[in-house]
Amino acid sequence: QVQLLESGGGAVPPGGSLTLSCATSGFHHSSAVMAWFRQAPGRRRAGVAAIDRDGCTSYANAVEGRFTITKDDVKNILYLQMTDLKVEDSAMYYCAADLIRNLLSYYSDPVPDKINFEYWGQGTQVTVSS
């Protein structure tokens, strides 16, 4: 049974940092592409960063250079380190797994669209406010 459980969200001032974690179970990281998405009220769910079997990564333009996606294949945890946070980063953040593809090269977009991901966590809220 595939499960994803996010944690680490919270409230921080602009310029602050947070690290999100996603504990995964029911599959091997070597068989998946994993990603972080976010959704603000009234907005569509959008990809933030993705990582594949080999550790190759991709980022949305809005977070490039500020966010880092990593994974621990032994502990089965996906991370999103966020620095220099901006008010516009406020959203519910979700981790997701695509168990059909395991390389980012299989997708046509740098950060795969949410339609490709079959498994989702429940989300963790990030609020950036002064």
C-alpha atoms as a PDB file:
ATOM      1  CA  GLN A   1       0.000   0.000   0.000  1.00  0.00           C
ATOM      2  CA  VAL A   2       1.560   3.253  -1.135  1.00  0.00           C
ATOM      3  CA  GLN A   3       1.534   6.050   1.437  1.00  0.00           C
ATOM      4  CA  LEU A   4       3.024   9.528   1.531  1.00  0.00           C
ATOM      5  CA  LEU A   5       2.970  11.692   4.647  1.00  0.00           C
ATOM      6  CA  GLU A   6       4.209  15.278   4.609  1.00  0.00           C
ATOM      7  CA  SER A   7       5.471  17.261   7.583  1.00  0.00           C
ATOM      8  CA  GLY A   8       7.489  20.368   8.331  1.00  0.00           C
ATOM      9  CA  GLY A   9       5.136  23.116   7.246  1.00  0.00           C
ATOM     10  CA  GLY A  10       4.633  26.235   9.319  1.00  0.00           C
ATOM     11  CA  ALA A  11       4.623  30.020   9.400  1.00  0.00           C
ATOM     12  CA  VAL A  12       7.780  31.994   8.672  1.00  0.00           C
ATOM     13  CA  PRO A  13       8.600  35.625   7.824  1.00  0.00           C
ATOM     14  CA  PRO A  14       9.766  36.620   4.348  1.00  0.00           C
ATOM     15  CA  GLY A  15      13.368  35.590   3.847  1.00  0.00           C
ATOM     16  CA  GLY A  16      12.983  32.656   6.193  1.00  0.00           C
ATOM     17  CA  SER A  17      13.629  28.968   5.585  1.00  0.00           C
ATOM     18  CA  LEU A  18      11.749  25.718   6.022  1.00  0.00           C
ATOM     19  CA  THR A  19      12.443  22.094   5.195  1.00  0.00           C
ATOM     20  CA  LEU A  20       9.509  19.867   4.296  1.00  0.00           C
ATOM     21  CA  SER A  21       9.680  16.099   4.653  1.00  0.00           C
ATOM     22  CA  CYS A  22       7.600  13.381   3.024  1.00  0.00           C
ATOM     23  CA  ALA A  23       7.799   9.909   4.529  1.00  0.00           C
ATOM     24  CA  THR A  24       7.043   7.310   1.876  1.00  0.00           C
ATOM     25  CA  SER A  25       6.129   3.637   2.095  1.00  0.00           C
ATOM     26  CA  GLY A  26       4.894   0.870  -0.154  1.00  0.00           C
ATOM     27  CA  PHE A  27       7.358   1.424  -2.988  1.00  0.00           C
ATOM     28  CA  HIS A  28      11.059   1.786  -3.691  1.00  0.00           C
ATOM     29  CA  HIS A  29      12.428   5.179  -4.602  1.00  0.00           C
ATOM     30  CA  SER A  30      14.325   3.508  -7.447  1.00  0.00           C
ATOM     31  CA  SER A  31      11.016   2.780  -9.150  1.00  0.00           C
ATOM     32  CA  ALA A  32       9.568   6.271  -9.029  1.00  0.00           C
ATOM     33  CA  VAL A  33       9.706   9.906  -9.888  1.00  0.00           C
ATOM     34  CA  MET A  34       8.760  11.970  -6.855  1.00  0.00           C
ATOM     35  CA  ALA A  35       7.778  15.587  -6.736  1.00  0.00           C
ATOM     36  CA  TRP A  36       6.538  18.465  -4.652  1.00  0.00           C
ATOM     37  CA  PHE A  37       3.501  20.457  -5.710  1.00  0.00           C
ATOM     38  CA  ARG A  38       1.799  23.441  -4.139  1.00  0.00           C
ATOM     39  CA  GLN A  39      -1.647  24.934  -4.272  1.00  0.00           C
ATOM     40  CA  ALA A  40      -2.724  28.329  -3.013  1.00  0.00           C
ATOM     41  CA  PRO A  41      -6.410  29.216  -2.507  1.00  0.00           C
ATOM     42  CA  GLY A  42      -8.077  29.808  -5.868  1.00  0.00           C
ATOM     43  CA  ARG A  43      -5.034  28.607  -7.809  1.00  0.00           C
ATOM     44  CA  ARG A  44      -4.337  25.381  -9.624  1.00  0.00           C
ATOM     45  CA  ARG A  45      -1.984  22.815  -8.146  1.00  0.00           C
ATOM     46  CA  ALA A  46       1.430  23.418  -9.693  1.00  0.00           C
ATOM     47  CA  GLY A  47       4.701  21.530  -9.722  1.00  0.00           C
ATOM     48  CA  VAL A  48       7.535  22.937  -7.647  1.00  0.00           C
ATOM     49  CA  ALA A  49      10.331  20.377  -7.994  1.00  0.00           C
ATOM     50  CA  ALA A  50      10.856  16.787  -9.042  1.00  0.00           C
ATOM     51  CA  ILE A  51      13.519  14.121  -8.572  1.00  0.00           C
ATOM     52  CA  ASP A  52      13.996  10.809 -10.315  1.00  0.00           C
ATOM     53  CA  ARG A  53      15.546   7.433  -9.720  1.00  0.00           C
ATOM     54  CA  ASP A  54      19.055   8.684 -10.421  1.00  0.00           C
ATOM     55  CA  GLY A  55      18.749  11.843  -8.346  1.00  0.00           C
ATOM     56  CA  CYS A  56      18.262  14.121 -11.332  1.00  0.00           C
ATOM     57  CA  THR A  57      16.201  17.156 -10.394  1.00  0.00           C
ATOM     58  CA  SER A  58      14.074  19.820 -12.009  1.00  0.00           C
ATOM     59  CA  TYR A  59      12.540  23.009 -10.634  1.00  0.00           C
ATOM     60  CA  ALA A  60       9.851  25.489 -11.473  1.00  0.00           C
ATOM     61  CA  ASN A  61      11.283  28.846 -12.543  1.00  0.00           C
ATOM     62  CA  ALA A  62       9.718  30.571  -9.536  1.00  0.00           C
ATOM     63  CA  VAL A  63      11.758  28.530  -7.051  1.00  0.00           C
ATOM     64  CA  GLU A  64      14.970  27.832  -8.982  1.00  0.00           C
ATOM     65  CA  GLY A  65      17.958  28.694  -6.817  1.00  0.00           C
ATOM     66  CA  ARG A  66      15.912  28.932  -3.618  1.00  0.00           C
ATOM     67  CA  PHE A  67      14.455  25.433  -3.214  1.00  0.00           C
ATOM     68  CA  THR A  68      16.285  22.103  -3.214  1.00  0.00           C
ATOM     69  CA  ILE A  69      14.656  18.690  -3.590  1.00  0.00           C
ATOM     70  CA  THR A  70      16.498  15.666  -2.220  1.00  0.00           C
ATOM     71  CA  LYS A  71      15.673  12.132  -1.176  1.00  0.00           C
ATOM     72  CA  ASP A  72      16.988   9.535   1.239  1.00  0.00           C
ATOM     73  CA  ASP A  73      16.521   6.117  -0.351  1.00  0.00           C
ATOM     74  CA  VAL A  74      17.420   4.300   2.869  1.00  0.00           C
ATOM     75  CA  LYS A  75      15.067   6.181   5.172  1.00  0.00           C
ATOM     76  CA  ASN A  76      12.461   6.524   2.377  1.00  0.00           C
ATOM     77  CA  ILE A  77      12.035  10.248   2.853  1.00  0.00           C
ATOM     78  CA  LEU A  78      11.650  13.004   0.280  1.00  0.00           C
ATOM     79  CA  TYR A  79      12.724  16.521   1.270  1.00  0.00           C
ATOM     80  CA  LEU A  80      12.163  20.042   0.063  1.00  0.00           C
ATOM     81  CA  GLN A  81      14.538  22.604   1.487  1.00  0.00           C
ATOM     82  CA  MET A  82      13.148  26.096   1.010  1.00  0.00           C
ATOM     83  CA  THR A  83      15.189  29.248   1.542  1.00  0.00           C
ATOM     84  CA  ASP A  84      14.604  32.960   0.979  1.00  0.00           C
ATOM     85  CA  LEU A  85      10.881  32.341   1.219  1.00  0.00           C
ATOM     86  CA  LYS A  86       8.523  34.907  -0.286  1.00  0.00           C
ATOM     87  CA  VAL A  87       4.911  35.734   0.478  1.00  0.00           C
ATOM     88  CA  GLU A  88       3.936  34.192  -2.852  1.00  0.00           C
ATOM     89  CA  ASP A  89       5.366  30.839  -1.711  1.00  0.00           C
ATOM     90  CA  SER A  90       2.471  30.511   0.734  1.00  0.00           C
ATOM     91  CA  ALA A  91       0.442  27.440  -0.176  1.00  0.00           C
ATOM     92  CA  MET A  92      -0.448  23.908   0.753  1.00  0.00           C
ATOM     93  CA  TYR A  93       2.490  21.732  -0.265  1.00  0.00           C
ATOM     94  CA  TYR A  94       1.973  18.158  -1.434  1.00  0.00           C
ATOM     95  CA  CYS A  95       4.390  15.358  -2.222  1.00  0.00           C
ATOM     96  CA  ALA A  96       3.532  12.949  -4.994  1.00  0.00           C
ATOM     97  CA  ALA A  97       4.863   9.785  -6.604  1.00  0.00           C
ATOM     98  CA  ASP A  98       4.680   8.469 -10.164  1.00  0.00           C
ATOM     99  CA  LEU A  99       5.355   4.736 -10.109  1.00  0.00           C
ATOM    100  CA  ILE A 100       4.973   4.313 -13.871  1.00  0.00           C
ATOM    101  CA  ARG A 101       8.037   6.351 -14.831  1.00  0.00           C
ATOM    102  CA  ASN A 102      11.336   6.587 -12.949  1.00  0.00           C
ATOM    103  CA  LEU A 103      13.315   9.089 -15.022  1.00  0.00           C
ATOM    104  CA  LEU A 104      12.615  12.774 -15.615  1.00  0.00           C
ATOM    105  CA  SER A 105      13.600  12.311 -19.253  1.00  0.00           C
ATOM    106  CA  TYR A 106      10.289  10.486 -19.827  1.00  0.00           C
ATOM    107  CA  TYR A 107       8.288  13.695 -19.409  1.00  0.00           C
ATOM    108  CA  SER A 108       7.838  16.481 -21.926  1.00  0.00           C
ATOM    109  CA  ASP A 109       7.840  19.219 -19.257  1.00  0.00           C
ATOM    110  CA  PRO A 110      10.782  20.044 -16.944  1.00  0.00           C
ATOM    111  CA  VAL A 111       8.530  19.661 -13.896  1.00  0.00           C
ATOM    112  CA  PRO A 112       5.959  16.958 -14.714  1.00  0.00           C
ATOM    113  CA  ASP A 113       2.309  17.875 -14.694  1.00  0.00           C
ATOM    114  CA  LYS A 114       0.205  16.663 -11.785  1.00  0.00           C
ATOM    115  CA  ILE A 115      -1.754  14.384 -14.110  1.00  0.00           C
ATOM    116  CA  ASN A 116       1.261  12.039 -14.178  1.00  0.00           C
ATOM    117  CA  PHE A 117       1.199  11.335 -10.438  1.00  0.00           C
ATOM    118  CA  GLU A 118      -0.993   8.576  -9.055  1.00  0.00           C
ATOM    119  CA  TYR A 119      -0.157   8.906  -5.358  1.00  0.00           C
ATOM    120  CA  TRP A 120      -0.417  11.975  -3.137  1.00  0.00           C
ATOM    121  CA  GLY A 121       0.083  12.975   0.447  1.00  0.00           C
ATOM    122  CA  GLN A 122      -2.437  14.989   2.434  1.00  0.00           C
ATOM    123  CA  GLY A 123      -0.406  18.196   2.307  1.00  0.00           C
ATOM    124  CA  THR A 124       1.347  20.517   4.725  1.00  0.00           C
ATOM    125  CA  GLN A 125       0.674  24.243   4.969  1.00  0.00           C
ATOM    126  CA  VAL A 126       3.392  26.828   4.412  1.00  0.00           C
ATOM    127  CA  THR A 127       2.587  30.430   5.287  1.00  0.00           C
ATOM    128  CA  VAL A 128       5.049  33.243   4.605  1.00  0.00           C
ATOM    129  CA  SER A 129       3.986  36.447   6.259  1.00  0.00           C
ATOM    130  CA  SER A 130       5.447  39.399   8.099  1.00  0.00           C
END
